[in-house]
Amino acid sequence: MTDVIARFEFKADRAAEFCENDRTFSEVRYPEVEDLIADCEEFGDALIDCTAYVNGKVIVLSDMTAK
């Protein structure tokens, strides 16, 4: 099992769907990278960017988010 920590930045007009307290950032822990990618594809139109910490490396998932 891979431990993945993802930090999402949401568009201001959509952030309330995913974040609390008027924030535009949210942090989520995933058991596998594939779960993170599935979420990026599912709500990519609401994302500005996603950065993840996977196996000691930071990756940017800009290509998985709609601009």
PDB file of N, CA and C in Angstrom:
ATOM      1  N   MET A   1       0.844  -1.188   0.000  1.00  0.00           N
ATOM      2  CA  MET A   1       0.000   0.000   0.000  1.00  0.00           C
ATOM      3  C   MET A   1       0.881   1.241   0.000  1.00  0.00           C
ATOM      4  N   THR A   2       0.575   2.163  -0.872  1.00  0.00           N
ATOM      5  CA  THR A   2       1.278   3.432  -0.980  1.00  0.00           C
ATOM      6  C   THR A   2       0.500   4.490  -0.209  1.00  0.00           C
ATOM      7  N   ASP A   3       1.192   5.310   0.549  1.00  0.00           N
ATOM      8  CA  ASP A   3       0.538   6.407   1.253  1.00  0.00           C
ATOM      9  C   ASP A   3       0.706   7.667   0.418  1.00  0.00           C
ATOM     10  N   VAL A   4      -0.408   8.277   0.043  1.00  0.00           N
ATOM     11  CA  VAL A   4      -0.402   9.455  -0.814  1.00  0.00           C
ATOM     12  C   VAL A   4      -1.117  10.584  -0.083  1.00  0.00           C
ATOM     13  N   ILE A   5      -0.482  11.739  -0.001  1.00  0.00           N
ATOM     14  CA  ILE A   5      -1.105  12.926   0.573  1.00  0.00           C
ATOM     15  C   ILE A   5      -1.226  13.948  -0.544  1.00  0.00           C
ATOM     16  N   ALA A   6      -2.459  14.347  -0.820  1.00  0.00           N
ATOM     17  CA  ALA A   6      -2.714  15.285  -1.915  1.00  0.00           C
ATOM     18  C   ALA A   6      -3.232  16.602  -1.379  1.00  0.00           C
ATOM     19  N   ARG A   7      -2.784  17.673  -1.996  1.00  0.00           N
ATOM     20  CA  ARG A   7      -3.263  19.018  -1.661  1.00  0.00           C
ATOM     21  C   ARG A   7      -3.913  19.583  -2.908  1.00  0.00           C
ATOM     22  N   PHE A   8      -5.208  19.845  -2.811  1.00  0.00           N
ATOM     23  CA  PHE A   8      -5.989  20.362  -3.928  1.00  0.00           C
ATOM     24  C   PHE A   8      -6.193  21.863  -3.785  1.00  0.00           C
ATOM     25  N   GLU A   9      -6.108  22.576  -4.893  1.00  0.00           N
ATOM     26  CA  GLU A   9      -6.508  23.981  -4.942  1.00  0.00           C
ATOM     27  C   GLU A   9      -7.719  24.061  -5.860  1.00  0.00           C
ATOM     28  N   PHE A  10      -8.837  24.525  -5.306  1.00  0.00           N
ATOM     29  CA  PHE A  10     -10.086  24.590  -6.053  1.00  0.00           C
ATOM     30  C   PHE A  10     -10.378  26.005  -6.528  1.00  0.00           C
ATOM     31  N   LYS A  11     -11.112  26.094  -7.627  1.00  0.00           N
ATOM     32  CA  LYS A  11     -11.578  27.391  -8.117  1.00  0.00           C
ATOM     33  C   LYS A  11     -12.485  28.005  -7.055  1.00  0.00           C
ATOM     34  N   ALA A  12     -12.394  29.306  -6.900  1.00  0.00           N
ATOM     35  CA  ALA A  12     -13.133  29.995  -5.831  1.00  0.00           C
ATOM     36  C   ALA A  12     -14.633  29.749  -5.908  1.00  0.00           C
ATOM     37  N   ASP A  13     -15.191  29.711  -7.107  1.00  0.00           N
ATOM     38  CA  ASP A  13     -16.637  29.528  -7.244  1.00  0.00           C
ATOM     39  C   ASP A  13     -17.084  28.088  -6.987  1.00  0.00           C
ATOM     40  N   ARG A  14     -16.165  27.139  -6.874  1.00  0.00           N
ATOM     41  CA  ARG A  14     -16.497  25.734  -6.628  1.00  0.00           C
ATOM     42  C   ARG A  14     -15.943  25.222  -5.290  1.00  0.00           C
ATOM     43  N   ALA A  15     -15.110  26.003  -4.637  1.00  0.00           N
ATOM     44  CA  ALA A  15     -14.408  25.544  -3.431  1.00  0.00           C
ATOM     45  C   ALA A  15     -15.352  25.112  -2.320  1.00  0.00           C
ATOM     46  N   ALA A  16     -16.480  25.758  -2.173  1.00  0.00           N
ATOM     47  CA  ALA A  16     -17.417  25.416  -1.094  1.00  0.00           C
ATOM     48  C   ALA A  16     -17.923  23.978  -1.198  1.00  0.00           C
ATOM     49  N   GLU A  17     -17.863  23.393  -2.387  1.00  0.00           N
ATOM     50  CA  GLU A  17     -18.285  22.003  -2.573  1.00  0.00           C
ATOM     51  C   GLU A  17     -17.298  21.021  -1.932  1.00  0.00           C
ATOM     52  N   PHE A  18     -16.051  21.461  -1.738  1.00  0.00           N
ATOM     53  CA  PHE A  18     -14.989  20.565  -1.296  1.00  0.00           C
ATOM     54  C   PHE A  18     -14.283  21.013  -0.018  1.00  0.00           C
ATOM     55  N   CYS A  19     -14.427  22.276   0.345  1.00  0.00           N
ATOM     56  CA  CYS A  19     -13.678  22.847   1.472  1.00  0.00           C
ATOM     57  C   CYS A  19     -14.627  23.525   2.457  1.00  0.00           C
ATOM     58  N   GLU A  20     -14.121  23.721   3.663  1.00  0.00           N
ATOM     59  CA  GLU A  20     -14.878  24.416   4.696  1.00  0.00           C
ATOM     60  C   GLU A  20     -14.273  25.791   4.958  1.00  0.00           C
ATOM     61  N   ASN A  21     -15.065  26.654   5.567  1.00  0.00           N
ATOM     62  CA  ASN A  21     -14.594  27.952   6.058  1.00  0.00           C
ATOM     63  C   ASN A  21     -14.004  28.839   4.973  1.00  0.00           C
ATOM     64  N   ASP A  22     -14.640  28.899   3.830  1.00  0.00           N
ATOM     65  CA  ASP A  22     -14.228  29.789   2.736  1.00  0.00           C
ATOM     66  C   ASP A  22     -12.804  29.530   2.248  1.00  0.00           C
ATOM     67  N   ARG A  23     -12.318  28.339   2.405  1.00  0.00           N
ATOM     68  CA  ARG A  23     -10.976  27.989   1.921  1.00  0.00           C
ATOM     69  C   ARG A  23     -11.059  27.498   0.485  1.00  0.00           C
ATOM     70  N   THR A  24      -9.940  27.581  -0.199  1.00  0.00           N
ATOM     71  CA  THR A  24      -9.870  27.040  -1.557  1.00  0.00           C
ATOM     72  C   THR A  24      -8.909  25.858  -1.630  1.00  0.00           C
ATOM     73  N   PHE A  25      -8.267  25.517  -0.509  1.00  0.00           N
ATOM     74  CA  PHE A  25      -7.333  24.392  -0.456  1.00  0.00           C
ATOM     75  C   PHE A  25      -7.897  23.283   0.434  1.00  0.00           C
ATOM     76  N   SER A  26      -7.611  22.055   0.061  1.00  0.00           N
ATOM     77  CA  SER A  26      -8.013  20.903   0.855  1.00  0.00           C
ATOM     78  C   SER A  26      -6.916  19.843   0.773  1.00  0.00           C
ATOM     79  N   GLU A  27      -6.708  19.127   1.856  1.00  0.00           N
ATOM     80  CA  GLU A  27      -5.709  18.070   1.884  1.00  0.00           C
ATOM     81  C   GLU A  27      -6.408  16.744   2.146  1.00  0.00           C
ATOM     82  N   VAL A  28      -6.044  15.728   1.354  1.00  0.00           N
ATOM     83  CA  VAL A  28      -6.679  14.415   1.443  1.00  0.00           C
ATOM     84  C   VAL A  28      -5.604  13.339   1.406  1.00  0.00           C
ATOM     85  N   ARG A  29      -5.784  12.303   2.225  1.00  0.00           N
ATOM     86  CA  ARG A  29      -4.873  11.149   2.226  1.00  0.00           C
ATOM     87  C   ARG A  29      -5.539  10.017   1.443  1.00  0.00           C
ATOM     88  N   TYR A  30      -4.781   9.410   0.556  1.00  0.00           N
ATOM     89  CA  TYR A  30      -5.261   8.299  -0.268  1.00  0.00           C
ATOM     90  C   TYR A  30      -4.403   7.061  -0.023  1.00  0.00           C
ATOM     91  N   PRO A  31      -5.002   5.875  -0.137  1.00  0.00           N
ATOM     92  CA  PRO A  31      -4.223   4.654   0.011  1.00  0.00           C
ATOM     93  C   PRO A  31      -3.369   4.341  -1.224  1.00  0.00           C
ATOM     94  N   GLU A  32      -3.820   4.789  -2.388  1.00  0.00           N
ATOM     95  CA  GLU A  32      -3.126   4.482  -3.651  1.00  0.00           C
ATOM     96  C   GLU A  32      -3.185   5.672  -4.597  1.00  0.00           C
ATOM     97  N   VAL A  33      -2.199   5.800  -5.453  1.00  0.00           N
ATOM     98  CA  VAL A  33      -2.144   6.878  -6.442  1.00  0.00           C
ATOM     99  C   VAL A  33      -3.345   6.821  -7.380  1.00  0.00           C
ATOM    100  N   GLU A  34      -3.772   5.622  -7.728  1.00  0.00           N
ATOM    101  CA  GLU A  34      -4.906   5.459  -8.651  1.00  0.00           C
ATOM    102  C   GLU A  34      -6.179   6.108  -8.117  1.00  0.00           C
ATOM    103  N   ASP A  35      -6.360   6.078  -6.794  1.00  0.00           N
ATOM    104  CA  ASP A  35      -7.526   6.725  -6.185  1.00  0.00           C
ATOM    105  C   ASP A  35      -7.460   8.241  -6.347  1.00  0.00           C
ATOM    106  N   LEU A  36      -6.286   8.795  -6.188  1.00  0.00           N
ATOM    107  CA  LEU A  36      -6.079  10.227  -6.379  1.00  0.00           C
ATOM    108  C   LEU A  36      -6.354  10.617  -7.827  1.00  0.00           C
ATOM    109  N   ILE A  37      -5.824   9.864  -8.762  1.00  0.00           N
ATOM    110  CA  ILE A  37      -6.029  10.165 -10.182  1.00  0.00           C
ATOM    111  C   ILE A  37      -7.508  10.106 -10.534  1.00  0.00           C
ATOM    112  N   ALA A  38      -8.225   9.131 -10.005  1.00  0.00           N
ATOM    113  CA  ALA A  38      -9.667   9.024 -10.260  1.00  0.00           C
ATOM    114  C   ALA A  38     -10.403  10.267  -9.771  1.00  0.00           C
ATOM    115  N   ASP A  39     -10.047  10.772  -8.586  1.00  0.00           N
ATOM    116  CA  ASP A  39     -10.684  11.989  -8.085  1.00  0.00           C
ATOM    117  C   ASP A  39     -10.333  13.195  -8.940  1.00  0.00           C
ATOM    118  N   CYS A  40      -9.093  13.305  -9.386  1.00  0.00           N
ATOM    119  CA  CYS A  40      -8.696  14.414 -10.263  1.00  0.00           C
ATOM    120  C   CYS A  40      -9.519  14.397 -11.545  1.00  0.00           C
ATOM    121  N   GLU A  41      -9.741  13.228 -12.075  1.00  0.00           N
ATOM    122  CA  GLU A  41     -10.546  13.113 -13.298  1.00  0.00           C
ATOM    123  C   GLU A  41     -12.011  13.428 -13.022  1.00  0.00           C
ATOM    124  N   GLU A  42     -12.506  13.005 -11.863  1.00  0.00           N
ATOM    125  CA  GLU A  42     -13.916  13.205 -11.528  1.00  0.00           C
ATOM    126  C   GLU A  42     -14.273  14.671 -11.308  1.00  0.00           C
ATOM    127  N   PHE A  43     -13.491  15.385 -10.534  1.00  0.00           N
ATOM    128  CA  PHE A  43     -13.826  16.786 -10.277  1.00  0.00           C
ATOM    129  C   PHE A  43     -12.755  17.748 -10.787  1.00  0.00           C
ATOM    130  N   GLY A  44     -12.096  17.376 -11.844  1.00  0.00           N
ATOM    131  CA  GLY A  44     -11.046  18.200 -12.443  1.00  0.00           C
ATOM    132  C   GLY A  44     -11.506  19.569 -12.893  1.00  0.00           C
ATOM    133  N   ASP A  45     -12.778  19.685 -13.304  1.00  0.00           N
ATOM    134  CA  ASP A  45     -13.271  20.986 -13.748  1.00  0.00           C
ATOM    135  C   ASP A  45     -13.373  21.992 -12.611  1.00  0.00           C
ATOM    136  N   ALA A  46     -13.290  21.526 -11.361  1.00  0.00           N
ATOM    137  CA  ALA A  46     -13.340  22.422 -10.206  1.00  0.00           C
ATOM    138  C   ALA A  46     -11.947  22.747  -9.677  1.00  0.00           C
ATOM    139  N   LEU A  47     -10.933  22.072 -10.206  1.00  0.00           N
ATOM    140  CA  LEU A  47      -9.569  22.216  -9.697  1.00  0.00           C
ATOM    141  C   LEU A  47      -8.756  23.266 -10.443  1.00  0.00           C
ATOM    142  N   ILE A  48      -7.917  23.943  -9.696  1.00  0.00           N
ATOM    143  CA  ILE A  48      -6.875  24.778 -10.280  1.00  0.00           C
ATOM    144  C   ILE A  48      -5.609  23.949 -10.384  1.00  0.00           C
ATOM    145  N   ASP A  49      -5.300  23.203  -9.304  1.00  0.00           N
ATOM    146  CA  ASP A  49      -4.099  22.374  -9.306  1.00  0.00           C
ATOM    147  C   ASP A  49      -4.181  21.337  -8.200  1.00  0.00           C
ATOM    148  N   CYS A  50      -3.320  20.347  -8.309  1.00  0.00           N
ATOM    149  CA  CYS A  50      -3.181  19.321  -7.279  1.00  0.00           C
ATOM    150  C   CYS A  50      -1.713  18.956  -7.172  1.00  0.00           C
ATOM    151  N   THR A  51      -1.215  18.945  -5.945  1.00  0.00           N
ATOM    152  CA  THR A  51       0.153  18.535  -5.659  1.00  0.00           C
ATOM    153  C   THR A  51       0.068  17.365  -4.687  1.00  0.00           C
ATOM    154  N   ALA A  52       0.896  16.356  -4.897  1.00  0.00           N
ATOM    155  CA  ALA A  52       0.833  15.177  -4.038  1.00  0.00           C
ATOM    156  C   ALA A  52       2.220  14.776  -3.567  1.00  0.00           C
ATOM    157  N   TYR A  53       2.253  14.198  -2.380  1.00  0.00           N
ATOM    158  CA  TYR A  53       3.475  13.649  -1.791  1.00  0.00           C
ATOM    159  C   TYR A  53       3.328  12.132  -1.861  1.00  0.00           C
ATOM    160  N   VAL A  54       4.159  11.503  -2.692  1.00  0.00           N
ATOM    161  CA  VAL A  54       4.065  10.065  -2.940  1.00  0.00           C
ATOM    162  C   VAL A  54       5.448   9.438  -2.779  1.00  0.00           C
ATOM    163  N   ASN A  55       5.554   8.489  -1.872  1.00  0.00           N
ATOM    164  CA  ASN A  55       6.818   7.771  -1.676  1.00  0.00           C
ATOM    165  C   ASN A  55       8.016   8.713  -1.515  1.00  0.00           C
ATOM    166  N   GLY A  56       7.822   9.778  -0.752  1.00  0.00           N
ATOM    167  CA  GLY A  56       8.911  10.707  -0.490  1.00  0.00           C
ATOM    168  C   GLY A  56       9.186  11.716  -1.583  1.00  0.00           C
ATOM    169  N   LYS A  57       8.343  11.742  -2.620  1.00  0.00           N
ATOM    170  CA  LYS A  57       8.529  12.688  -3.721  1.00  0.00           C
ATOM    171  C   LYS A  57       7.282  13.540  -3.891  1.00  0.00           C
ATOM    172  N   VAL A  58       7.484  14.787  -4.269  1.00  0.00           N
ATOM    173  CA  VAL A  58       6.378  15.695  -4.549  1.00  0.00           C
ATOM    174  C   VAL A  58       6.124  15.668  -6.046  1.00  0.00           C
ATOM    175  N   ILE A  59       4.859  15.444  -6.419  1.00  0.00           N
ATOM    176  CA  ILE A  59       4.480  15.465  -7.831  1.00  0.00           C
ATOM    177  C   ILE A  59       3.366  16.476  -8.026  1.00  0.00           C
ATOM    178  N   VAL A  60       3.352  17.119  -9.176  1.00  0.00           N
ATOM    179  CA  VAL A  60       2.324  18.090  -9.531  1.00  0.00           C
ATOM    180  C   VAL A  60       1.458  17.454 -10.600  1.00  0.00           C
ATOM    181  N   LEU A  61       0.152  17.460 -10.348  1.00  0.00           N
ATOM    182  CA  LEU A  61      -0.777  16.798 -11.252  1.00  0.00           C
ATOM    183  C   LEU A  61      -1.526  17.796 -12.127  1.00  0.00           C
ATOM    184  N   SER A  62      -0.859  18.824 -12.586  1.00  0.00           N
ATOM    185  CA  SER A  62      -1.512  19.851 -13.400  1.00  0.00           C
ATOM    186  C   SER A  62      -2.180  19.285 -14.637  1.00  0.00           C
ATOM    187  N   ASP A  63      -1.574  18.260 -15.223  1.00  0.00           N
ATOM    188  CA  ASP A  63      -2.164  17.702 -16.436  1.00  0.00           C
ATOM    189  C   ASP A  63      -3.433  16.898 -16.161  1.00  0.00           C
ATOM    190  N   MET A  64      -3.748  16.616 -14.912  1.00  0.00           N
ATOM    191  CA  MET A  64      -4.971  15.899 -14.560  1.00  0.00           C
ATOM    192  C   MET A  64      -6.110  16.851 -14.210  1.00  0.00           C
ATOM    193  N   THR A  65      -5.846  18.154 -14.229  1.00  0.00           N
ATOM    194  CA  THR A  65      -6.861  19.131 -13.850  1.00  0.00           C
ATOM    195  C   THR A  65      -7.258  19.965 -15.050  1.00  0.00           C
ATOM    196  N   ALA A  66      -8.526  20.338 -15.106  1.00  0.00           N
ATOM    197  CA  ALA A  66      -9.024  21.213 -16.172  1.00  0.00           C
ATOM    198  C   ALA A  66      -8.696  22.653 -15.799  1.00  0.00           C
ATOM    199  N   LYS A  67      -8.311  23.429 -16.745  1.00  0.00           N
ATOM    200  CA  LYS A  67      -7.996  24.843 -16.481  1.00  0.00           C
ATOM    201  C   LYS A  67      -9.120  25.721 -16.959  1.00  0.00           C
TER     202      LYS A  67
END
